[in-house]
Protein backbone atom coordinates (compact mmCIF):
# COMPACT_ATOMS: atom_id res chain seq x y z
CA MET A 1 77.37 71.21 60.90
CA GLY A 2 73.50 71.10 60.75
CA THR A 3 73.34 71.70 57.04
CA ASP A 4 71.25 69.34 54.73
CA GLU A 5 73.15 67.21 52.29
CA LYS A 6 72.13 67.83 48.70
CA LYS A 7 72.14 65.12 46.00
CA PRO A 8 74.53 65.57 43.20
CA PRO A 9 72.98 66.77 39.92
CA ASP A 10 74.44 63.91 37.92
CA GLN A 11 72.78 61.27 40.10
CA PHE A 12 69.36 62.96 39.76
CA ASN A 13 69.58 63.11 35.99
CA LYS A 14 70.46 59.41 35.71
CA LYS A 15 67.31 58.35 37.61
CA GLU A 16 65.09 60.66 35.54
CA ARG A 17 66.49 59.37 32.28
CA ALA A 18 65.97 55.74 33.42
CA HIS A 19 62.33 56.40 34.27
CA GLN A 20 61.68 58.04 30.92
CA SER A 21 63.38 55.14 29.14
CA ASN A 22 61.15 52.56 30.90
CA SER A 23 58.02 54.56 30.01
CA GLN A 24 59.04 54.71 26.36
CA ASN A 25 59.68 50.92 26.25
CA ALA A 26 56.30 50.04 27.87
CA SER A 27 54.28 52.19 25.47
CA PRO A 28 55.22 50.35 22.21
CA ILE A 29 54.43 46.87 23.72
CA SER A 30 50.89 47.77 24.83
CA SER A 31 50.14 49.46 21.54
CA LYS A 32 51.32 46.41 19.63
CA MET A 33 49.14 44.16 21.76
CA LEU A 34 46.09 46.32 21.13
CA GLU A 35 46.84 46.41 17.42
CA ALA A 36 47.18 42.63 17.25
CA ALA A 37 43.95 42.13 19.20
CA ALA A 38 42.07 44.52 16.94
CA THR A 39 43.39 42.76 13.84
CA ALA A 40 42.39 39.33 15.19
CA PHE A 41 38.93 40.57 16.15
CA ALA A 42 38.42 42.16 12.75
CA SER A 43 39.51 38.94 11.02
CA ILE A 44 37.17 36.83 13.15
CA LEU A 45 34.34 39.27 12.54
CA VAL A 46 34.88 39.23 8.79
CA LEU A 47 35.19 35.45 8.65
CA GLY A 48 32.20 34.90 10.93
CA THR A 49 30.09 37.34 8.96
CA GLY A 50 31.18 35.72 5.72
CA PHE A 51 30.43 32.20 6.90
CA GLY A 52 27.16 33.24 8.47
CA LEU A 53 26.03 35.16 5.41
CA GLY A 54 27.15 32.33 3.14
CA GLY A 55 25.31 29.76 5.22
CA PHE A 56 22.19 31.89 5.29
CA LEU A 57 22.28 32.43 1.53
CA TYR A 58 22.88 28.69 0.95
CA HIS A 59 19.97 27.82 3.24
CA LYS A 60 17.67 30.18 1.36
CA PHE A 61 18.93 28.84 -1.97
CA TYR A 62 18.41 25.25 -0.88
CA LYS A 63 14.83 25.91 0.19
CA TRP A 64 14.17 27.58 -3.16
CA LEU A 65 15.80 24.68 -4.98
CA VAL A 66 13.58 22.15 -3.18
CA ILE A 67 10.44 23.95 -4.34
CA TYR A 68 11.84 24.42 -7.84
CA LYS A 69 12.67 20.72 -8.22
CA MET A 70 9.22 19.72 -6.98
CA GLU A 71 7.56 22.11 -9.43
CA ARG A 72 9.67 20.58 -12.18
CA ALA A 73 8.41 17.11 -11.22
CA PHE A 74 4.91 18.17 -12.34
CA GLN A 75 5.98 19.66 -15.64
CA PRO A 76 5.05 17.87 -18.89
CA GLY A 77 6.58 14.45 -19.21
CA ASP A 78 6.73 11.75 -16.56
CA PRO A 79 9.09 8.80 -15.98
CA VAL A 80 6.08 6.52 -15.60
CA LEU A 81 4.95 7.39 -19.12
CA GLU A 82 8.44 6.77 -20.46
CA LEU A 83 8.61 3.36 -18.80
CA ALA A 84 5.16 2.48 -20.11
CA ALA A 85 6.17 3.52 -23.62
CA ILE A 86 9.25 1.27 -23.52
CA GLY A 87 7.14 -1.75 -22.69
CA LYS A 88 4.42 -1.06 -25.22
CA GLN A 89 3.51 -3.71 -27.75
CA VAL A 90 0.65 -3.98 -30.23
CA PRO A 91 -1.76 -2.94 -28.88
CA THR A 92 0.09 -0.57 -26.59
CA SER A 93 -2.71 -0.45 -24.05
CA ILE A 94 -5.89 -2.22 -23.13
CA ALA A 95 -7.85 0.88 -22.22
CA SER A 96 -8.94 3.04 -25.11
CA THR A 97 -9.17 6.65 -26.07
CA GLN A 98 -11.76 8.13 -28.31
CA GLY A 99 -11.09 9.15 -31.87
CA PRO A 100 -9.99 7.44 -35.07
CA ASP A 101 -6.33 8.38 -34.62
CA SER A 102 -5.99 6.22 -31.54
CA GLU A 103 -7.43 3.01 -32.96
CA GLU A 104 -4.02 1.57 -33.78
CA ASP A 105 -2.84 1.79 -30.19
CA HIS A 106 -6.07 1.05 -28.32
CA TRP A 107 -8.64 -1.56 -29.03
CA ILE A 108 -11.13 -1.49 -26.14
CA LEU A 109 -13.13 1.57 -25.16
CA ARG A 110 -14.10 1.64 -21.50
CA ASP A 111 -17.01 3.72 -20.29
CA GLU A 112 -15.01 4.83 -17.24
CA GLN A 113 -12.26 6.40 -19.34
CA ALA A 114 -14.06 9.75 -19.63
CA LYS A 115 -14.30 10.04 -15.85
CA ILE A 116 -10.65 9.08 -15.39
CA ASP A 117 -9.66 11.71 -17.96
CA ALA A 118 -11.60 14.38 -16.06
CA ILE A 119 -9.88 13.42 -12.81
CA VAL A 120 -6.35 13.41 -14.25
CA ASN A 121 -6.64 16.65 -16.25
CA GLY A 122 -7.98 18.51 -13.19
CA THR A 123 -11.52 19.08 -14.42
CA ASP A 124 -13.05 16.87 -11.71
CA ARG A 125 -11.97 18.55 -8.49
CA GLY A 126 -13.08 18.84 -4.89
CA HIS A 127 -12.79 15.10 -4.20
CA TYR A 128 -10.21 12.37 -3.92
CA HIS A 129 -10.80 9.05 -5.60
CA LEU A 130 -10.49 5.34 -4.93
CA LEU A 131 -10.39 3.05 -7.96
CA ILE A 132 -11.22 -0.47 -6.85
CA GLY A 133 -11.54 -3.62 -8.90
CA GLU A 134 -10.03 -7.02 -9.53
CA LYS A 135 -6.53 -7.43 -10.90
CA GLY A 136 -6.42 -7.04 -14.66
CA THR A 137 -9.54 -4.93 -15.19
CA GLY A 138 -7.58 -2.02 -16.70
CA LYS A 139 -7.35 0.51 -13.85
CA SER A 140 -3.68 1.37 -14.30
CA SER A 141 -4.00 1.37 -18.09
CA MET A 142 -6.76 3.97 -17.98
CA LEU A 143 -4.71 6.18 -15.66
CA LEU A 144 -1.70 5.97 -17.97
CA ASP A 145 -3.85 6.78 -21.00
CA ALA A 146 -5.31 9.80 -19.22
CA MET A 147 -1.79 10.97 -18.33
CA GLN A 148 -0.66 10.45 -21.91
CA LYS A 149 -3.36 12.78 -23.23
CA ILE A 150 -1.99 15.71 -21.21
CA ASN A 151 1.65 14.53 -21.39
CA GLY A 152 1.76 14.17 -17.62
CA GLU A 153 1.43 17.90 -16.94
CA GLY A 154 0.51 18.47 -13.30
CA VAL A 155 0.43 14.71 -12.58
CA SER A 156 2.77 12.42 -10.68
CA MET A 157 2.34 8.67 -10.20
CA PHE A 158 4.22 6.03 -8.22
CA GLU A 159 3.80 2.49 -6.94
CA ALA A 160 3.06 1.75 -3.29
CA HIS A 161 5.10 -0.77 -1.32
CA ALA A 162 4.66 -2.66 1.94
CA ASP A 163 7.94 -1.36 3.38
CA LEU A 164 7.56 2.25 4.54
CA GLU A 165 11.17 3.12 3.71
CA ILE A 166 10.73 2.00 0.10
CA PHE A 167 7.42 3.87 -0.03
CA ARG A 168 9.28 6.98 1.18
CA ILE A 169 11.94 6.62 -1.51
CA ARG A 170 9.37 6.14 -4.27
CA LEU A 171 7.41 9.16 -3.10
CA GLY A 172 10.60 11.22 -3.09
CA LYS A 173 11.42 10.08 -6.61
CA ALA A 174 7.93 10.97 -7.85
CA LEU A 175 8.11 14.45 -6.26
CA ASP A 176 11.85 14.97 -6.94
CA PHE A 177 12.35 15.53 -3.22
CA GLU A 178 15.52 14.41 -1.40
CA PHE A 179 14.16 14.75 2.16
CA HIS A 180 17.07 17.14 2.92
CA GLU A 181 19.55 14.29 2.62
CA ASP A 182 21.62 16.39 0.18
CA TYR A 183 21.60 19.42 2.50
CA ILE A 184 25.22 20.37 3.23
CA GLY A 185 24.34 21.75 6.64
CA SER A 186 23.88 18.21 7.90
CA TYR A 187 27.69 17.82 7.93
CA PHE A 188 27.88 20.35 10.78
CA SER A 189 25.16 18.79 12.93
CA GLU A 190 25.33 15.89 15.32
CA ARG A 191 22.09 14.29 14.10
CA GLY A 192 22.14 12.67 10.70
CA PRO A 193 19.66 13.50 7.94
CA ARG A 194 17.96 10.08 8.35
CA ASP A 195 17.63 10.26 12.13
CA THR A 196 13.85 10.10 11.85
CA THR A 197 11.04 7.78 10.71
CA ALA A 198 9.60 7.16 7.26
CA LEU A 199 6.24 8.64 8.26
CA LEU A 200 7.86 11.90 9.38
CA ASP A 201 9.74 12.11 6.09
CA ILE A 202 6.52 11.58 4.15
CA GLU A 203 4.85 14.33 6.18
CA ARG A 204 7.75 16.69 5.38
CA ALA A 205 7.43 15.88 1.68
CA PHE A 206 3.72 16.68 1.80
CA ASN A 207 4.45 20.00 3.48
CA LYS A 208 6.62 20.98 0.53
CA LEU A 209 4.05 19.65 -1.94
CA GLU A 210 1.43 21.85 -0.32
CA LYS A 211 3.53 24.96 -1.01
CA VAL A 212 3.91 23.95 -4.64
CA ALA A 213 0.16 23.33 -4.94
CA LEU A 214 -0.68 26.72 -3.42
CA LYS A 215 1.57 28.43 -5.94
CA ARG A 216 0.06 26.43 -8.82
CA ARG A 217 -3.50 27.25 -7.74
CA LYS A 218 -2.72 30.98 -7.97
CA VAL A 219 -1.09 30.65 -11.40
CA VAL A 220 -2.98 27.86 -13.17
CA GLY A 221 -6.15 27.45 -11.13
CA ARG A 222 -6.10 23.65 -11.26
CA PRO A 223 -5.05 21.17 -8.60
CA LEU A 224 -2.06 18.87 -8.81
CA ILE A 225 -2.78 15.15 -9.29
CA LEU A 226 -0.98 12.56 -7.16
CA ILE A 227 -1.69 8.93 -8.11
CA ILE A 228 -0.71 6.09 -5.76
CA ASN A 229 -0.91 2.79 -7.57
CA CYS A 230 -1.31 -0.64 -5.92
CA VAL A 231 -2.29 0.71 -2.50
CA HIS A 232 -3.35 -2.83 -1.51
CA LEU A 233 0.35 -3.73 -1.26
CA LEU A 234 0.51 -1.84 2.04
CA ARG A 235 0.34 -4.19 5.00
CA ASP A 236 -2.89 -4.24 6.96
CA ASP A 237 -1.03 -3.68 10.23
CA ASP A 238 -0.34 -0.72 12.51
CA ASP A 239 2.34 0.81 10.26
CA GLY A 240 0.30 0.38 7.10
CA GLN A 241 -2.82 1.78 8.72
CA ASP A 242 -0.90 4.78 10.07
CA LEU A 243 0.44 5.53 6.60
CA LEU A 244 -3.00 5.15 5.02
CA GLU A 245 -4.48 7.48 7.65
CA LEU A 246 -1.79 10.08 6.94
CA LEU A 247 -2.49 9.87 3.20
CA GLN A 248 -6.22 10.16 3.70
CA GLN A 249 -5.96 13.15 6.01
CA ARG A 250 -3.92 14.99 3.41
CA ALA A 251 -6.32 13.91 0.66
CA GLU A 252 -9.32 15.23 2.59
CA GLN A 253 -7.62 18.55 3.35
CA TRP A 254 -6.31 19.09 -0.17
CA ALA A 255 -9.58 18.09 -1.84
CA ALA A 256 -11.46 20.66 0.24
CA ALA A 257 -8.97 23.39 -0.76
CA ASN A 258 -8.64 22.28 -4.43
CA LEU A 259 -4.89 21.92 -3.98
CA VAL A 260 -4.14 18.28 -4.79
CA THR A 261 -6.40 15.50 -6.05
CA MET A 262 -5.15 12.17 -4.74
CA VAL A 263 -6.09 8.96 -6.56
CA PHE A 264 -5.77 5.59 -4.80
CA ASN A 265 -5.72 2.50 -6.99
CA SER A 266 -6.43 -0.78 -5.19
CA ASP A 267 -7.27 -4.40 -5.94
CA ASP A 268 -8.35 -5.30 -2.39
CA TYR A 269 -11.42 -4.44 -0.38
CA TRP A 270 -9.65 -3.78 2.92
CA VAL A 271 -8.34 -0.42 1.60
CA TYR A 272 -11.90 0.75 1.01
CA GLU A 273 -12.90 -0.54 4.44
CA ARG A 274 -10.16 1.50 6.11
CA LEU A 275 -10.76 4.68 4.11
CA LYS A 276 -14.51 4.61 4.59
CA LYS A 277 -14.25 5.20 8.35
CA ILE A 278 -13.32 8.89 8.08
CA ALA A 279 -14.13 9.58 4.42
CA THR A 280 -16.19 12.66 3.60
CA ARG A 281 -14.91 13.70 0.17
CA MET A 282 -13.97 10.29 -1.22
CA GLU A 283 -15.49 9.01 -4.45
CA VAL A 284 -15.34 5.28 -5.15
CA THR A 285 -15.19 4.05 -8.74
CA SER A 286 -15.63 0.32 -9.23
CA ILE A 287 -13.83 -1.05 -12.31
CA THR A 288 -15.34 -4.39 -13.35
CA ASP A 289 -15.22 -6.74 -16.34
CA LEU A 290 -16.48 -5.64 -19.72
CA PRO A 291 -20.04 -6.56 -20.78
CA ARG A 292 -20.55 -9.22 -23.46
CA ASN A 293 -21.30 -7.00 -26.45
CA GLN A 294 -18.35 -4.72 -25.84
CA ALA A 295 -15.88 -7.57 -25.28
CA ILE A 296 -17.01 -9.55 -28.35
CA ALA A 297 -16.93 -6.45 -30.58
CA ALA A 298 -13.41 -5.60 -29.43
CA LEU A 299 -12.18 -9.17 -30.01
CA SER A 300 -13.68 -9.27 -33.49
CA LYS A 301 -12.15 -5.92 -34.41
CA TYR A 302 -8.73 -6.94 -33.14
CA ARG A 303 -8.68 -10.24 -35.02
CA GLN A 304 -9.74 -8.55 -38.25
CA LYS A 305 -7.06 -5.88 -37.97
CA TYR A 306 -4.03 -7.85 -36.86
CA PHE A 307 -4.83 -11.41 -38.02
CA ARG A 308 -6.81 -10.54 -41.16
CA GLU A 309 -9.59 -12.93 -40.20
CA SER A 310 -13.30 -12.72 -39.53
CA PRO A 311 -13.84 -14.86 -36.43
CA ASN A 312 -16.96 -16.98 -36.08
CA PRO A 313 -19.44 -15.24 -33.75
CA ASP A 314 -20.05 -18.56 -31.99
CA ILE A 315 -16.34 -18.84 -31.18
CA LEU A 316 -16.25 -15.29 -29.87
CA SER A 317 -19.31 -16.00 -27.71
CA GLU A 318 -17.65 -19.15 -26.40
CA VAL A 319 -14.51 -17.19 -25.57
CA TYR A 320 -16.57 -14.76 -23.50
CA ASP A 321 -18.37 -17.64 -21.77
CA ARG A 322 -15.04 -19.16 -20.73
CA VAL A 323 -13.01 -16.12 -19.63
CA GLY A 324 -15.60 -13.34 -19.31
CA GLY A 325 -14.77 -9.69 -19.87
CA ARG A 326 -11.51 -9.50 -17.88
CA LEU A 327 -9.16 -7.35 -19.95
CA THR A 328 -5.99 -9.19 -19.06
CA PHE A 329 -7.55 -12.46 -20.28
CA LEU A 330 -9.01 -10.91 -23.42
CA ASN A 331 -5.65 -9.41 -24.28
CA ARG A 332 -4.00 -12.81 -24.01
CA VAL A 333 -6.71 -14.55 -26.02
CA ALA A 334 -6.79 -11.90 -28.75
CA LYS A 335 -3.08 -12.40 -29.49
CA SER A 336 -3.33 -16.18 -29.54
CA ALA A 337 -3.51 -18.31 -32.68
CA ASP A 338 -5.99 -20.71 -31.03
CA MET A 339 -8.33 -18.64 -28.86
CA LEU A 340 -10.33 -21.52 -27.32
CA LYS A 341 -7.17 -23.41 -26.34
CA THR A 342 -5.82 -20.30 -24.65
CA CYS A 343 -9.12 -19.97 -22.76
CA ASP A 344 -8.76 -23.55 -21.48
CA ASN A 345 -5.18 -22.82 -20.42
CA ILE A 346 -6.33 -19.78 -18.45
CA ILE A 347 -9.01 -21.82 -16.66
CA ASP A 348 -6.48 -24.57 -15.88
CA VAL A 349 -4.01 -22.05 -14.44
CA GLU A 350 -6.70 -20.58 -12.19
CA ARG A 351 -7.77 -24.06 -11.08
CA ARG A 352 -4.25 -25.14 -10.19
CA TRP A 353 -3.64 -21.86 -8.36
CA PHE A 354 -6.71 -22.44 -6.20
CA LEU A 355 -5.79 -26.08 -5.49
CA ASN A 356 -2.19 -25.23 -4.64
CA GLN A 357 -3.36 -22.66 -2.12
CA CYS A 358 -6.39 -24.38 -0.59
CA TRP A 359 -6.58 -28.10 -1.29
CA ILE A 360 -7.86 -30.23 1.61
CA LEU A 361 -6.15 -33.42 2.87
CA GLY A 362 -9.03 -35.55 4.14
CA MET A 363 -9.32 -37.76 7.21
CA GLU A 364 -5.70 -38.91 7.05
CA MET A 365 -4.16 -35.48 7.57
CA ASP A 366 -1.62 -34.94 10.34
CA ASP A 367 -2.55 -32.74 13.25
CA ASP A 368 0.47 -30.49 12.59
CA VAL A 369 -1.20 -29.01 9.50
CA MET A 370 -4.51 -28.26 11.18
CA ASP A 371 -4.12 -24.46 11.03
CA GLN A 372 -3.41 -24.55 7.31
CA GLN A 373 -6.28 -26.95 6.75
CA LYS A 374 -8.66 -24.65 8.59
CA TYR A 375 -7.69 -21.96 6.09
CA ALA A 376 -8.05 -24.34 3.12
CA SER A 377 -11.30 -25.99 4.21
CA ALA A 378 -12.95 -22.60 4.80
CA ALA A 379 -12.10 -21.64 1.21
CA MET A 380 -13.50 -24.93 -0.09
CA VAL A 381 -16.71 -24.47 1.87
CA LEU A 382 -17.14 -20.98 0.43
CA ALA A 383 -16.37 -22.20 -3.10
CA ALA A 384 -18.99 -24.93 -2.72
CA ALA A 385 -21.52 -22.35 -1.51
CA LEU A 386 -20.86 -20.16 -4.56
CA VAL A 387 -21.29 -23.16 -6.87
CA SER A 388 -24.57 -23.99 -5.16
CA ALA A 389 -25.66 -20.36 -5.60
CA GLU A 390 -25.58 -20.88 -9.38
CA GLU A 391 -28.85 -22.80 -9.02
CA THR A 392 -30.67 -19.85 -7.48
CA GLN A 393 -28.94 -16.84 -9.08
CA PRO A 394 -29.16 -16.10 -12.82
CA LEU A 395 -25.86 -16.74 -14.61
CA SER A 396 -26.23 -13.79 -16.99
CA HIS A 397 -27.73 -10.32 -17.17
CA GLU A 398 -30.31 -9.21 -19.68
CA ASP A 399 -27.59 -8.17 -22.13
CA GLY A 400 -25.96 -11.60 -21.93
CA SER A 401 -23.08 -10.49 -19.68
CA HIS A 402 -21.83 -12.80 -16.97
CA ASN A 403 -23.41 -12.63 -13.54
CA ILE A 404 -20.91 -14.37 -11.28
CA PRO A 405 -22.76 -15.79 -8.23
CA GLN A 406 -22.12 -13.72 -5.13
CA LEU A 407 -22.97 -13.69 -1.44
CA PRO A 408 -23.12 -10.86 1.09
CA LEU A 409 -19.89 -10.53 3.04
CA HIS A 410 -21.48 -11.31 6.39
CA ILE A 411 -23.17 -14.42 4.97
CA ALA A 412 -19.86 -15.60 3.51
CA ARG A 413 -18.23 -15.27 6.91
CA GLN A 414 -21.12 -17.15 8.48
CA ILE A 415 -20.74 -19.98 5.97
CA MET A 416 -17.00 -20.27 6.65
CA THR A 417 -17.53 -19.81 10.42
CA ARG A 418 -14.48 -17.54 10.23
CA ALA A 419 -14.31 -13.77 9.81
CA ASP A 420 -10.57 -13.30 9.25
CA PHE A 421 -9.78 -15.49 6.24
CA ILE A 422 -11.75 -13.67 3.58
CA LYS A 423 -9.34 -10.71 3.31
CA SER A 424 -6.47 -13.07 2.68
CA TYR A 425 -8.45 -14.82 -0.06
CA ASP A 426 -9.07 -11.45 -1.64
CA HIS A 427 -5.37 -10.57 -1.48
CA ILE A 428 -4.23 -13.72 -3.30
CA ASN A 429 -6.98 -13.41 -5.94
CA LEU A 430 -9.10 -16.44 -5.07
CA PHE A 431 -12.24 -14.55 -4.12
CA THR A 432 -13.00 -10.88 -4.45
CA ILE A 433 -14.95 -8.52 -2.23
CA THR A 434 -16.75 -5.85 -4.21
CA SER A 435 -17.13 -2.24 -3.14
CA THR A 436 -20.72 -3.10 -2.19
CA ALA A 437 -19.51 -5.82 0.25
CA TYR A 438 -20.39 -8.88 -1.81
CA VAL A 439 -18.14 -11.93 -2.11
CA ARG A 440 -17.72 -13.82 -5.37
CA ALA A 441 -15.08 -15.70 -7.34
CA ASP A 442 -12.20 -13.51 -8.48
CA SER A 443 -13.04 -14.08 -12.15
CA VAL A 444 -15.14 -16.16 -14.54
CA PRO A 445 -12.31 -18.71 -15.02
CA MET A 446 -12.00 -19.02 -11.23
CA GLN A 447 -15.76 -19.66 -10.91
CA ARG A 448 -15.45 -22.36 -13.59
CA ALA A 449 -12.56 -23.82 -11.62
CA PHE A 450 -14.75 -23.90 -8.49
CA ARG A 451 -17.44 -25.69 -10.45
CA SER A 452 -15.09 -28.33 -11.84
CA ILE A 453 -13.58 -29.05 -8.41
CA CYS A 454 -16.91 -29.25 -6.57
CA ASN A 455 -18.41 -31.50 -9.27
CA GLU A 456 -15.64 -34.08 -9.02
CA PRO A 457 -16.82 -37.49 -7.74
CA GLY A 458 -16.35 -37.86 -4.00
CA PHE A 459 -15.61 -34.19 -3.36
CA GLU A 460 -18.40 -33.74 -0.81
CA LYS A 461 -17.31 -36.79 1.20
CA HIS A 462 -13.68 -35.66 1.06
CA LEU A 463 -14.66 -32.21 2.35
CA GLU A 464 -16.82 -33.69 5.11
CA ALA A 465 -13.98 -36.01 6.14
CA THR A 466 -11.59 -33.07 6.33
CA LEU A 467 -13.99 -31.05 8.45
CA GLN A 468 -14.58 -34.06 10.71
CA ARG A 469 -10.85 -34.58 11.14
CA ILE A 470 -10.40 -30.91 12.09
CA SER A 471 -13.24 -31.25 14.59
CA ASP A 472 -11.70 -34.41 16.07
CA ILE A 473 -8.30 -32.78 16.49
CA GLU A 474 -9.87 -29.77 18.19
CA SER A 475 -11.89 -32.09 20.42
CA LEU A 476 -8.75 -33.92 21.45
CA GLY A 477 -7.13 -30.60 22.26
CA ARG A 478 -10.02 -29.70 24.56
CA THR A 479 -10.07 -33.11 26.29
CA ARG A 480 -8.19 -33.76 29.55
CA GLU A 481 -7.54 -37.33 30.65
CA VAL A 482 -7.51 -38.11 34.41
CA VAL A 483 -5.91 -41.40 35.50
CA ALA A 484 -6.81 -42.67 39.00
CA LYS A 485 -4.31 -44.97 40.72
CA ASP A 486 -3.69 -46.43 44.17
CA LEU A 487 -7.29 -46.18 45.25
CA VAL A 488 -7.64 -47.56 48.81
CA LEU A 489 -10.24 -50.24 49.21
CA GLY A 490 -13.44 -48.50 50.06
CA GLY A 491 -11.98 -45.08 49.35
CA ARG A 492 -13.26 -42.61 46.84
CA TYR A 493 -12.24 -39.50 44.92
CA ARG A 494 -13.86 -36.14 45.35
CA ILE A 495 -13.55 -33.83 42.32
CA LEU A 496 -14.09 -30.12 42.93
CA LEU A 497 -14.20 -27.26 40.39
CA LYS A 498 -13.19 -24.00 42.04
CA GLU A 499 -11.86 -20.53 41.19
CA GLY A 500 -8.15 -20.17 40.43
CA GLU A 501 -5.70 -17.50 41.49
CA ARG A 502 -6.40 -15.36 38.45
CA ARG A 503 -9.76 -13.87 37.70
CA GLY A 504 -11.90 -16.14 35.54
CA GLU A 505 -9.58 -19.12 35.96
CA ARG A 506 -11.17 -22.46 36.85
CA VAL A 507 -9.17 -25.20 38.58
CA THR A 508 -10.11 -28.86 39.00
CA GLU A 509 -9.07 -30.32 42.36
CA VAL A 510 -9.02 -34.07 42.97
CA VAL A 511 -9.06 -35.21 46.64
CA LEU A 512 -8.65 -38.82 47.79
CA GLU A 513 -11.01 -39.70 50.63
CA GLU A 514 -10.06 -42.88 52.45
CA LYS A 515 -12.62 -45.20 53.95
CA LYS A 516 -13.68 -44.21 57.44
CA GLU A 517 -13.59 -46.81 60.19
CA GLY A 518 -16.94 -48.33 60.84
CA GLY A 519 -18.23 -46.99 57.61
CA ASP A 520 -20.18 -48.92 55.02
CA ASP A 521 -18.25 -50.83 52.41
């Protein structure tokens, strides 16, 4: 009919209602998703902020705690003093303090004690110090006495060790520093807290110590004191030299800034030799044996106080003649019932120690022990030279004190024909090298032991036979034997010395030349 068909009203309403229903269903789902996302983001933000803030606060607290613990390590009282007090006997110490109240605990007054006191209490500043002397002269005892007077305030002391890891641990114990090994943040890192070297750990400890020293300088005005005992126990190799260089660099820097005064205590000369190369602020204090008058007076006083006896001056003089003024020997003799017998025992121990280390085997020795015999014979040659020096050098000073014969270090090396052995002799306490580069016996008993060995009948011939045997073995090692066989009648060998393949190499060439026809026979 040409008219448009119109949709029914009911059908139109159904479609409209369906569209509105779909729109209403879609709106709650999207809003819920947005709400859940916002909640999750807020939770993550809160947790992240909490963890981050907590970690930051813990990090700041840990850094404060490290400094606090290190400051506490320099407060009055020291574990070294407590250990020394546990082991004290009568007398509690060899080195002495001044004053009548200390006479019960100390029985020998050393002249160097006043200087050591000034170093340890911070009065002597602007330098670092090397105490050098033979074993048993009282170096450690004087340091402990100086620490005792101030109750260890501002002082820390520890023993050196050849192993760098043990040295690191002992330094950490002395400074109360854990090297961040107790830091909880290490649990969340891939690298462990010990993924480094001992030298780096020591450098980190010194960085913290420098902060503590700067704070102390502002408050107190005095430097901290760090004492390293037995520095000679470090090995004279690359690792030991690197550690000693690190310590010296810090000592130089801190001495110039009056932050920390470092004190090195050593029995061996090689430490001084290494430190001297770059030293500008180092002071060397040589601790030697006591003079005669001081040693005899101390012995007499001790025997009167603890044994209720007045010793014969001749016996006391004889004691000094036999063992000298070495404090460790005097301490042993003073406590003995028979002083002269104890002196003889000390001399015998020193003599057997020297023979066990360096006795020579004579002409009959096997060639397998030649290296050891080179070491032993060089020591015997040096001992004989020191005994011979007694004829030209006075045996006592003007005050009656011992003057142990000595030779310049370069002359001693020339006599031994070796330059490397002398440091080893010094390390095992056979000979000693003084801070002025002189070589002598380690002690008066050791010099007496040298004299008794060299004066034995047949010693010179035995030493000459040993040296001859060493020379023969070395000669055999340098000799090459050439055996000629199958020589043609009338032939001859031609020996040529020419350059080898490597630079400086010499090669011997042997060529057989047969007789030429028509030649002369």
